[in-house]
Amino acid sequence: MHGPLDAAAGFPGTHILNGEWLYLQCSHYDSLHPEQQRLLADIGVTAEVAHMARPRRASMQAGFEAALEHARAYAAEHGHLAISGKSVRYQGYPLGAWLTSQRSRARRAPSATKRSLALDAIDPWWNPPWPLAWQRAYADVRRLVESGQQLDTSAGFPGIDAELARWLSQQQVTAQSLHPDQRCLLAEIGMVERSKKTPVAGGDDQDAPPPRSGGPPLHARGGPPLQRVV
């Protein structure tokens, strides 16, 4: 930790356990032994500072909520949260680095967490078990389809950017080797036929990647696919 301790902000920049310990000392400051108070003063925690201290967890939650607002705004503008790269910033906020950290947390967790569920509510595929580049391309195509663009497979997808058209052609060729949920997503935009058999990710399909942490699977979603021109 470099610089003075910021008790009023919940001791940001310190390890979470250290921040919680510091707040505990501040909350019981008046009952501490004078020598303990002197030792705290040596690291910048005086009586005045102690009385201004705020809990670390409240500060962390406020930080998460602020990041979530940036994520929500980005998804509304771009249609996805499949950002890769720690250098990506949005509205001045390091959203790429933050999402990378959240994915790492989610993959280490044994089950869905409050944080991962909050992100699921914004974009169910913010943390897919397949490459983020695939999810970004899919989101771009889906936005085009929802705006009225037709997917004319027989003519090579006219009216669509060349790079996305190549991506679509590749999906036609590799559809059967994709994760079951990827095939379901493609079915929703009319790129593949909706499977009559409901696959189970991580079950009978031994070649499929493991399911992601959090978010509902798409295997059995109903509803007609978006129109495709053949």
Protein backbone atom coordinates (compact mmCIF):
# COMPACT_ATOMS: atom_id res chain seq x y z
CA MET A 1 0.00 0.00 0.00
CA HIS A 2 1.46 3.36 -1.06
CA GLY A 3 0.12 6.69 0.19
CA PRO A 4 -2.22 7.49 3.09
CA LEU A 5 -5.01 5.16 4.16
CA ASP A 6 -8.42 6.34 2.99
CA ALA A 7 -10.65 5.27 5.86
CA ALA A 8 -13.69 7.15 4.59
CA ALA A 9 -13.68 5.09 1.37
CA GLY A 10 -13.26 1.71 3.09
CA PHE A 11 -9.45 1.53 2.79
CA PRO A 12 -9.22 0.98 -0.99
CA GLY A 13 -5.90 -0.36 -2.22
CA THR A 14 -5.45 -2.68 0.76
CA HIS A 15 -6.04 -6.42 0.74
CA ILE A 16 -9.67 -7.14 1.59
CA LEU A 17 -8.78 -8.84 4.90
CA ASN A 18 -6.53 -5.94 5.88
CA GLY A 19 -9.26 -3.46 4.98
CA GLU A 20 -11.79 -5.32 7.10
CA TRP A 21 -9.33 -5.51 10.01
CA LEU A 22 -8.63 -1.77 9.79
CA TYR A 23 -12.33 -0.97 9.81
CA LEU A 24 -12.80 -3.22 12.85
CA GLN A 25 -10.10 -1.29 14.72
CA CYS A 26 -11.73 2.00 13.75
CA SER A 27 -15.18 0.88 14.86
CA HIS A 28 -13.78 -0.05 18.30
CA TYR A 29 -11.23 2.74 18.43
CA ASP A 30 -12.47 4.37 21.64
CA SER A 31 -12.20 1.09 23.56
CA LEU A 32 -8.67 0.27 22.39
CA HIS A 33 -5.66 0.45 24.70
CA PRO A 34 -3.81 3.79 24.37
CA GLU A 35 -0.77 1.93 23.06
CA GLN A 36 -2.92 0.32 20.36
CA GLN A 37 -4.22 3.77 19.44
CA ARG A 38 -0.61 5.02 19.22
CA LEU A 39 0.35 2.15 16.92
CA LEU A 40 -2.62 2.92 14.67
CA ALA A 41 -1.64 6.58 14.62
CA ASP A 42 1.80 5.51 13.34
CA ILE A 43 0.11 4.23 10.16
CA GLY A 44 -2.17 7.24 9.83
CA VAL A 45 -5.26 6.06 11.71
CA THR A 46 -5.88 8.78 14.27
CA ALA A 47 -9.05 9.25 16.33
CA GLU A 48 -10.39 11.64 13.69
CA VAL A 49 -9.65 9.20 10.86
CA ALA A 50 -11.13 6.28 12.79
CA HIS A 51 -14.42 8.06 13.30
CA MET A 52 -14.68 8.72 9.53
CA ALA A 53 -14.06 5.08 8.59
CA ARG A 54 -16.58 3.20 6.45
CA PRO A 55 -16.88 -0.58 6.01
CA ARG A 56 -14.84 -2.09 3.21
CA ARG A 57 -17.59 -4.34 1.89
CA ALA A 58 -19.99 -1.44 1.40
CA SER A 59 -17.33 0.33 -0.64
CA MET A 60 -16.68 -2.77 -2.74
CA GLN A 61 -20.40 -3.23 -3.39
CA ALA A 62 -20.70 0.39 -4.47
CA GLY A 63 -17.78 -0.15 -6.85
CA PHE A 64 -19.45 -3.25 -8.29
CA GLU A 65 -22.72 -1.41 -8.82
CA ALA A 66 -20.89 1.40 -10.62
CA ALA A 67 -19.13 -1.11 -12.88
CA LEU A 68 -22.44 -2.86 -13.51
CA GLU A 69 -23.93 0.41 -14.75
CA HIS A 70 -21.11 0.74 -17.29
CA ALA A 71 -21.67 -2.87 -18.35
CA ARG A 72 -25.39 -2.26 -18.74
CA ALA A 73 -24.78 0.84 -20.87
CA TYR A 74 -22.24 -0.99 -23.06
CA ALA A 75 -24.60 -3.92 -23.64
CA ALA A 76 -27.43 -1.55 -24.56
CA GLU A 77 -25.19 0.09 -27.16
CA HIS A 78 -23.41 -2.98 -28.55
CA GLY A 79 -25.77 -5.86 -27.82
CA HIS A 80 -23.28 -7.95 -25.84
CA LEU A 81 -20.65 -8.03 -23.09
CA ALA A 82 -18.21 -10.26 -24.98
CA ILE A 83 -15.37 -7.81 -24.49
CA SER A 84 -11.86 -9.23 -24.57
CA GLY A 85 -8.71 -7.36 -23.71
CA LYS A 86 -7.88 -5.61 -20.49
CA SER A 87 -7.16 -2.37 -22.32
CA VAL A 88 -10.76 -1.85 -23.48
CA ARG A 89 -12.31 1.20 -21.85
CA TYR A 90 -15.90 2.39 -22.08
CA GLN A 91 -16.93 5.90 -21.08
CA GLY A 92 -13.53 6.15 -19.41
CA TYR A 93 -14.10 3.02 -17.30
CA PRO A 94 -11.73 -0.01 -17.64
CA LEU A 95 -14.60 -2.32 -18.56
CA GLY A 96 -12.41 -4.88 -20.34
CA ALA A 97 -10.21 -5.42 -17.29
CA TRP A 98 -13.22 -5.53 -14.98
CA LEU A 99 -15.03 -8.16 -17.07
CA THR A 100 -11.85 -10.23 -17.34
CA SER A 101 -11.68 -10.22 -13.54
CA GLN A 102 -15.37 -11.15 -13.20
CA ARG A 103 -14.95 -14.08 -15.60
CA SER A 104 -11.99 -15.33 -13.63
CA ARG A 105 -14.03 -15.13 -10.41
CA ALA A 106 -17.00 -16.90 -11.99
CA ARG A 107 -14.88 -19.77 -13.30
CA ARG A 108 -13.31 -20.33 -9.89
CA ALA A 109 -16.68 -20.36 -8.12
CA PRO A 110 -18.35 -23.76 -7.63
CA SER A 111 -21.73 -22.30 -8.62
CA ALA A 112 -23.32 -19.06 -9.79
CA THR A 113 -22.70 -16.04 -7.55
CA LYS A 114 -24.69 -12.85 -7.01
CA ARG A 115 -22.20 -11.05 -9.22
CA SER A 116 -22.35 -13.54 -12.07
CA LEU A 117 -26.15 -13.59 -11.90
CA ALA A 118 -26.23 -9.78 -12.08
CA LEU A 119 -24.16 -9.96 -15.27
CA ASP A 120 -26.31 -12.81 -16.61
CA ALA A 121 -29.30 -10.49 -16.30
CA ILE A 122 -27.57 -8.03 -18.66
CA ASP A 123 -26.10 -10.56 -21.12
CA PRO A 124 -26.59 -14.30 -20.52
CA TRP A 125 -23.49 -14.97 -22.64
CA TRP A 126 -21.01 -12.56 -21.03
CA ASN A 127 -18.94 -15.58 -19.94
CA PRO A 128 -19.40 -18.27 -22.61
CA PRO A 129 -17.49 -21.58 -22.74
CA TRP A 130 -16.46 -20.74 -26.31
CA PRO A 131 -14.24 -17.89 -27.62
CA LEU A 132 -15.44 -14.36 -26.99
CA ALA A 133 -14.74 -13.51 -30.64
CA TRP A 134 -17.46 -16.00 -31.66
CA GLN A 135 -19.93 -14.38 -29.29
CA ARG A 136 -19.14 -10.88 -30.57
CA ALA A 137 -19.66 -11.95 -34.18
CA TYR A 138 -22.93 -13.67 -33.28
CA ALA A 139 -24.18 -10.56 -31.46
CA ASP A 140 -23.33 -8.38 -34.47
CA VAL A 141 -25.23 -10.70 -36.84
CA ARG A 142 -28.21 -10.98 -34.51
CA ARG A 143 -28.52 -7.19 -34.32
CA LEU A 144 -28.55 -7.06 -38.13
CA VAL A 145 -31.22 -9.76 -38.34
CA GLU A 146 -33.37 -8.07 -35.71
CA SER A 147 -33.15 -4.83 -37.70
CA GLY A 148 -34.56 -6.60 -40.77
CA GLN A 149 -31.48 -7.98 -42.53
CA GLN A 150 -32.16 -11.33 -44.18
CA LEU A 151 -29.59 -14.13 -44.20
CA ASP A 152 -29.49 -15.26 -47.83
CA THR A 153 -27.29 -18.33 -47.56
CA SER A 154 -27.52 -19.26 -51.24
CA ALA A 155 -26.19 -15.88 -52.41
CA GLY A 156 -23.33 -15.58 -49.92
CA PHE A 157 -25.11 -13.25 -47.46
CA PRO A 158 -25.46 -10.08 -49.56
CA GLY A 159 -25.78 -6.83 -47.66
CA ILE A 160 -23.60 -8.09 -44.83
CA ASP A 161 -20.02 -7.03 -44.11
CA ALA A 162 -17.51 -9.37 -45.77
CA GLU A 163 -15.95 -10.45 -42.49
CA LEU A 164 -19.31 -11.32 -40.96
CA ALA A 165 -20.35 -13.09 -44.15
CA ARG A 166 -17.24 -15.29 -43.92
CA TRP A 167 -18.08 -15.98 -40.27
CA LEU A 168 -21.61 -17.03 -41.23
CA SER A 169 -20.30 -19.32 -43.96
CA GLN A 170 -17.98 -20.94 -41.46
CA GLN A 171 -20.87 -21.60 -39.09
CA GLN A 172 -22.69 -23.45 -41.85
CA VAL A 173 -19.70 -25.73 -42.34
CA THR A 174 -18.87 -26.32 -38.68
CA ALA A 175 -22.36 -26.24 -37.12
CA GLN A 176 -22.34 -29.89 -36.04
CA SER A 177 -19.06 -29.49 -34.17
CA LEU A 178 -20.23 -26.48 -32.18
CA HIS A 179 -21.31 -26.44 -28.55
CA PRO A 180 -25.04 -27.31 -28.24
CA ASP A 181 -25.81 -23.82 -26.98
CA GLN A 182 -23.98 -22.28 -29.94
CA ARG A 183 -26.21 -24.30 -32.25
CA CYS A 184 -29.27 -23.11 -30.34
CA LEU A 185 -28.13 -19.51 -30.74
CA LEU A 186 -27.64 -20.03 -34.47
CA ALA A 187 -31.10 -21.60 -34.67
CA GLU A 188 -32.56 -18.45 -33.14
CA ILE A 189 -31.35 -16.42 -36.12
CA GLY A 190 -32.38 -19.10 -38.60
CA MET A 191 -28.88 -20.27 -39.52
CA VAL A 192 -29.42 -23.91 -38.56
CA GLU A 193 -32.45 -26.08 -37.99
CA ARG A 194 -33.62 -26.31 -34.42
CA SER A 195 -32.70 -29.74 -33.09
CA LYS A 196 -35.60 -32.01 -32.22
CA LYS A 197 -33.45 -33.72 -29.63
CA THR A 198 -32.50 -31.68 -26.59
CA PRO A 199 -28.75 -32.06 -26.00
CA VAL A 200 -27.24 -31.74 -22.55
CA ALA A 201 -24.05 -29.71 -22.32
CA GLY A 202 -21.34 -31.50 -20.41
CA GLY A 203 -23.36 -34.73 -20.49
CA ASP A 204 -23.63 -37.05 -23.49
CA ASP A 205 -21.83 -34.61 -25.78
CA GLN A 206 -18.27 -35.50 -24.84
CA ASP A 207 -16.76 -33.16 -27.42
CA ALA A 208 -18.54 -30.09 -26.13
CA PRO A 209 -16.70 -27.61 -23.87
CA PRO A 210 -17.84 -27.47 -20.23
CA PRO A 211 -20.85 -25.29 -19.53
CA ARG A 212 -20.20 -21.73 -18.46
CA SER A 213 -20.76 -20.49 -14.94
CA GLY A 214 -24.17 -18.91 -14.51
CA GLY A 215 -27.00 -18.24 -16.94
CA PRO A 216 -29.71 -20.51 -18.28
CA PRO A 217 -28.93 -23.01 -21.04
CA LEU A 218 -30.69 -22.51 -24.35
CA HIS A 219 -31.20 -26.17 -25.22
CA ALA A 220 -34.95 -26.32 -24.85
CA ARG A 221 -35.97 -22.76 -25.65
CA GLY A 222 -39.04 -22.62 -27.79
CA GLY A 223 -40.30 -20.05 -30.23
CA PRO A 224 -39.80 -19.78 -33.98
CA PRO A 225 -36.36 -18.91 -35.35
CA LEU A 226 -35.80 -15.64 -37.15
CA GLN A 227 -36.37 -15.86 -40.88
CA ARG A 228 -33.63 -17.16 -43.17
CA VAL A 229 -33.69 -16.93 -46.94
CA VAL A 230 -32.44 -20.03 -48.79
